[in-house]
């Protein structure tokens, strides 16, 4: 009986350490190429950051404070920069950039906001700033 208790306790300990609580924050990062940089910070519960970069000298940063926020940054090309800043709960932000020399910043302060953006070509700059709740914003740009 003691042996089964020890094994059960050991198994429970391993599972609790490896699976993490359901309310944990998460970060997903994929980078291919050279000189890419990514960073972020999270406080709260159930926040998620996803960054995917393919190219050269791309930079991405995401900061989340609150609960249930989602941020996604995808960049392909050369010298792109994307930032998301979320303060509140259940906000969603996404940046997709294809080409070179793009800059995008999305800032959300409130609850239940949605922001999306796509930039194609060379040298686009896009910015979204939302305060309050239930706001929806999107932009798509093609620059020469």
C-alpha atoms as a PDB file:
ATOM      1  CA  UNK A   1       0.000   0.000   0.000  1.00  0.00           C
ATOM      2  CA  UNK A   2       2.833   2.423   0.831  1.00  0.00           C
ATOM      3  CA  UNK A   3       4.477   1.770  -2.529  1.00  0.00           C
ATOM      4  CA  UNK A   4       1.270   2.652  -4.409  1.00  0.00           C
ATOM      5  CA  UNK A   5       0.877   5.826  -2.356  1.00  0.00           C
ATOM      6  CA  UNK A   6       4.452   6.905  -3.111  1.00  0.00           C
ATOM      7  CA  UNK A   7       4.022   6.206  -6.845  1.00  0.00           C
ATOM      8  CA  UNK A   8       0.694   8.061  -6.945  1.00  0.00           C
ATOM      9  CA  UNK A   9       2.187  11.051  -5.137  1.00  0.00           C
ATOM     10  CA  UNK A  10       5.209  11.117  -7.447  1.00  0.00           C
ATOM     11  CA  UNK A  11       2.992  10.917 -10.542  1.00  0.00           C
ATOM     12  CA  UNK A  12       0.719  13.706  -9.277  1.00  0.00           C
ATOM     13  CA  UNK A  13       3.743  15.901  -8.570  1.00  0.00           C
ATOM     14  CA  UNK A  14       5.223  15.353 -12.037  1.00  0.00           C
ATOM     15  CA  UNK A  15       1.900  16.064 -13.757  1.00  0.00           C
ATOM     16  CA  UNK A  16       1.296  19.240 -11.784  1.00  0.00           C
ATOM     17  CA  UNK A  17       4.745  20.581 -12.678  1.00  0.00           C
ATOM     18  CA  UNK A  18       4.697  19.653 -16.372  1.00  0.00           C
ATOM     19  CA  UNK A  19       1.156  20.556 -17.351  1.00  0.00           C
ATOM     20  CA  UNK A  20       0.777  23.875 -15.528  1.00  0.00           C
ATOM     21  CA  UNK A  21      -2.474  25.389 -14.399  1.00  0.00           C
ATOM     22  CA  UNK A  22      -5.283  26.020 -16.882  1.00  0.00           C
ATOM     23  CA  UNK A  23      -5.093  29.770 -16.232  1.00  0.00           C
ATOM     24  CA  UNK A  24      -1.404  30.064 -17.146  1.00  0.00           C
ATOM     25  CA  UNK A  25      -0.090  32.567 -19.671  1.00  0.00           C
ATOM     26  CA  UNK A  26       1.569  31.336 -22.860  1.00  0.00           C
ATOM     27  CA  UNK A  27       4.118  32.531 -25.398  1.00  0.00           C
ATOM     28  CA  UNK A  28       4.717  30.930 -28.819  1.00  0.00           C
ATOM     29  CA  UNK A  29       7.783  32.072 -30.753  1.00  0.00           C
ATOM     30  CA  UNK A  30       9.103  30.977 -34.152  1.00  0.00           C
ATOM     31  CA  UNK A  31      11.926  32.738 -35.985  1.00  0.00           C
ATOM     32  CA  UNK A  32      13.760  31.921 -39.194  1.00  0.00           C
ATOM     33  CA  UNK A  33      16.435  34.006 -40.850  1.00  0.00           C
ATOM     34  CA  UNK A  34      19.055  36.278 -39.349  1.00  0.00           C
ATOM     35  CA  UNK A  35      19.064  39.084 -36.770  1.00  0.00           C
ATOM     36  CA  UNK A  36      15.410  38.775 -35.757  1.00  0.00           C
ATOM     37  CA  UNK A  37      14.412  39.827 -32.227  1.00  0.00           C
ATOM     38  CA  UNK A  38      11.290  39.202 -30.148  1.00  0.00           C
ATOM     39  CA  UNK A  39      10.237  39.924 -26.600  1.00  0.00           C
ATOM     40  CA  UNK A  40       7.256  40.333 -24.344  1.00  0.00           C
ATOM     41  CA  UNK A  41       5.830  40.611 -20.864  1.00  0.00           C
ATOM     42  CA  UNK A  42       2.636  39.260 -19.299  1.00  0.00           C
ATOM     43  CA  UNK A  43       0.818  39.853 -16.025  1.00  0.00           C
ATOM     44  CA  UNK A  44      -2.565  38.352 -15.251  1.00  0.00           C
ATOM     45  CA  UNK A  45      -4.087  35.050 -16.305  1.00  0.00           C
ATOM     46  CA  UNK A  46      -4.915  33.289 -19.568  1.00  0.00           C
ATOM     47  CA  UNK A  47      -2.954  35.648 -21.820  1.00  0.00           C
ATOM     48  CA  UNK A  48      -1.378  34.403 -25.046  1.00  0.00           C
ATOM     49  CA  UNK A  49       1.325  35.838 -27.302  1.00  0.00           C
ATOM     50  CA  UNK A  50       2.285  34.343 -30.671  1.00  0.00           C
ATOM     51  CA  UNK A  51       5.168  35.675 -32.768  1.00  0.00           C
ATOM     52  CA  UNK A  52       6.303  34.245 -36.106  1.00  0.00           C
ATOM     53  CA  UNK A  53       9.110  35.927 -38.054  1.00  0.00           C
ATOM     54  CA  UNK A  54      10.800  34.877 -41.275  1.00  0.00           C
ATOM     55  CA  UNK A  55      13.461  37.105 -42.759  1.00  0.00           C
ATOM     56  CA  UNK A  56      16.200  39.454 -41.665  1.00  0.00           C
ATOM     57  CA  UNK A  57      16.317  42.081 -38.893  1.00  0.00           C
ATOM     58  CA  UNK A  58      12.627  41.903 -37.943  1.00  0.00           C
ATOM     59  CA  UNK A  59      11.612  42.953 -34.431  1.00  0.00           C
ATOM     60  CA  UNK A  60       8.482  42.238 -32.404  1.00  0.00           C
ATOM     61  CA  UNK A  61       7.362  43.015 -28.858  1.00  0.00           C
ATOM     62  CA  UNK A  62       4.138  42.351 -27.013  1.00  0.00           C
ATOM     63  CA  UNK A  63       3.041  43.394 -23.538  1.00  0.00           C
ATOM     64  CA  UNK A  64      -0.136  42.184 -21.808  1.00  0.00           C
ATOM     65  CA  UNK A  65      -1.612  43.198 -18.481  1.00  0.00           C
ATOM     66  CA  UNK A  66      -4.975  41.711 -17.522  1.00  0.00           C
ATOM     67  CA  UNK A  67      -6.750  38.469 -18.307  1.00  0.00           C
ATOM     68  CA  UNK A  68      -7.616  36.565 -21.480  1.00  0.00           C
ATOM     69  CA  UNK A  69      -5.748  38.791 -23.935  1.00  0.00           C
ATOM     70  CA  UNK A  70      -4.461  37.438 -27.263  1.00  0.00           C
ATOM     71  CA  UNK A  71      -1.732  38.995 -29.422  1.00  0.00           C
ATOM     72  CA  UNK A  72      -0.318  37.660 -32.702  1.00  0.00           C
ATOM     73  CA  UNK A  73       2.500  39.163 -34.752  1.00  0.00           C
ATOM     74  CA  UNK A  74       3.573  37.636 -38.071  1.00  0.00           C
ATOM     75  CA  UNK A  75       6.304  39.191 -40.209  1.00  0.00           C
ATOM     76  CA  UNK A  76       7.988  38.090 -43.381  1.00  0.00           C
ATOM     77  CA  UNK A  77      10.669  40.134 -45.059  1.00  0.00           C
ATOM     78  CA  UNK A  78      13.343  42.608 -44.061  1.00  0.00           C
ATOM     79  CA  UNK A  79      13.541  45.222 -41.278  1.00  0.00           C
ATOM     80  CA  UNK A  80       9.917  45.094 -40.073  1.00  0.00           C
ATOM     81  CA  UNK A  81       8.815  46.172 -36.588  1.00  0.00           C
ATOM     82  CA  UNK A  82       5.573  45.216 -34.820  1.00  0.00           C
ATOM     83  CA  UNK A  83       4.410  45.983 -31.259  1.00  0.00           C
ATOM     84  CA  UNK A  84       1.224  45.225 -29.342  1.00  0.00           C
ATOM     85  CA  UNK A  85       0.286  46.706 -25.943  1.00  0.00           C
ATOM     86  CA  UNK A  86      -2.780  45.402 -24.120  1.00  0.00           C
ATOM     87  CA  UNK A  87      -4.150  46.553 -20.782  1.00  0.00           C
ATOM     88  CA  UNK A  88      -7.477  45.062 -19.723  1.00  0.00           C
ATOM     89  CA  UNK A  89      -9.349  41.855 -20.392  1.00  0.00           C
ATOM     90  CA  UNK A  90     -10.319  39.804 -23.468  1.00  0.00           C
ATOM     91  CA  UNK A  91      -8.538  42.043 -25.991  1.00  0.00           C
ATOM     92  CA  UNK A  92      -7.338  40.652 -29.327  1.00  0.00           C
ATOM     93  CA  UNK A  93      -4.649  42.159 -31.564  1.00  0.00           C
ATOM     94  CA  UNK A  94      -2.990  40.905 -34.738  1.00  0.00           C
ATOM     95  CA  UNK A  95      -0.290  42.282 -37.029  1.00  0.00           C
ATOM     96  CA  UNK A  96       0.721  40.712 -40.354  1.00  0.00           C
ATOM     97  CA  UNK A  97       3.506  42.357 -42.372  1.00  0.00           C
ATOM     98  CA  UNK A  98       4.944  41.220 -45.708  1.00  0.00           C
ATOM     99  CA  UNK A  99       7.786  43.059 -47.382  1.00  0.00           C
ATOM    100  CA  UNK A 100      10.310  45.507 -45.974  1.00  0.00           C
ATOM    101  CA  UNK A 101      10.646  48.457 -43.616  1.00  0.00           C
ATOM    102  CA  UNK A 102       7.138  48.313 -42.115  1.00  0.00           C
ATOM    103  CA  UNK A 103       6.212  49.633 -38.675  1.00  0.00           C
ATOM    104  CA  UNK A 104       2.978  48.748 -36.844  1.00  0.00           C
ATOM    105  CA  UNK A 105       1.862  49.514 -33.290  1.00  0.00           C
ATOM    106  CA  UNK A 106      -1.408  48.434 -31.676  1.00  0.00           C
ATOM    107  CA  UNK A 107      -2.416  49.716 -28.262  1.00  0.00           C
ATOM    108  CA  UNK A 108      -5.532  48.583 -26.389  1.00  0.00           C
ATOM    109  CA  UNK A 109      -6.672  49.881 -23.016  1.00  0.00           C
ATOM    110  CA  UNK A 110     -10.015  48.432 -21.959  1.00  0.00           C
ATOM    111  CA  UNK A 111     -11.993  45.236 -22.404  1.00  0.00           C
ATOM    112  CA  UNK A 112     -13.130  43.209 -25.405  1.00  0.00           C
ATOM    113  CA  UNK A 113     -11.338  45.226 -28.088  1.00  0.00           C
ATOM    114  CA  UNK A 114     -10.260  43.777 -31.450  1.00  0.00           C
ATOM    115  CA  UNK A 115      -7.541  45.192 -33.729  1.00  0.00           C
ATOM    116  CA  UNK A 116      -6.127  43.693 -36.927  1.00  0.00           C
ATOM    117  CA  UNK A 117      -3.686  44.959 -39.570  1.00  0.00           C
ATOM    118  CA  UNK A 118      -1.898  43.846 -42.733  1.00  0.00           C
ATOM    119  CA  UNK A 119       0.855  45.713 -44.551  1.00  0.00           C
ATOM    120  CA  UNK A 120       2.332  44.743 -47.926  1.00  0.00           C
ATOM    121  CA  UNK A 121       5.153  46.261 -49.950  1.00  0.00           C
ATOM    122  CA  UNK A 122       7.765  48.638 -48.589  1.00  0.00           C
ATOM    123  CA  UNK A 123       7.727  51.324 -45.910  1.00  0.00           C
ATOM    124  CA  UNK A 124       4.173  51.216 -44.517  1.00  0.00           C
ATOM    125  CA  UNK A 125       3.379  52.613 -41.071  1.00  0.00           C
ATOM    126  CA  UNK A 126       0.167  51.712 -39.263  1.00  0.00           C
ATOM    127  CA  UNK A 127      -1.070  52.463 -35.764  1.00  0.00           C
ATOM    128  CA  UNK A 128      -4.226  51.601 -33.820  1.00  0.00           C
ATOM    129  CA  UNK A 129      -5.070  52.970 -30.382  1.00  0.00           C
ATOM    130  CA  UNK A 130      -8.243  51.820 -28.598  1.00  0.00           C
ATOM    131  CA  UNK A 131      -9.621  52.854 -25.219  1.00  0.00           C
ATOM    132  CA  UNK A 132     -12.848  51.614 -23.660  1.00  0.00           C
ATOM    133  CA  UNK A 133     -14.684  48.414 -24.486  1.00  0.00           C
ATOM    134  CA  UNK A 134     -15.967  46.560 -27.523  1.00  0.00           C
ATOM    135  CA  UNK A 135     -14.011  48.526 -30.124  1.00  0.00           C
ATOM    136  CA  UNK A 136     -13.111  46.965 -33.483  1.00  0.00           C
ATOM    137  CA  UNK A 137     -10.441  48.366 -35.826  1.00  0.00           C
ATOM    138  CA  UNK A 138      -8.734  47.036 -38.942  1.00  0.00           C
ATOM    139  CA  UNK A 139      -6.323  48.391 -41.546  1.00  0.00           C
ATOM    140  CA  UNK A 140      -4.811  47.027 -44.746  1.00  0.00           C
ATOM    141  CA  UNK A 141      -2.099  48.912 -46.614  1.00  0.00           C
ATOM    142  CA  UNK A 142      -0.138  48.394 -49.809  1.00  0.00           C
ATOM    143  CA  UNK A 143       2.894  50.645 -50.082  1.00  0.00           C
ATOM    144  CA  UNK A 144       5.270  50.895 -53.067  1.00  0.00           C
END
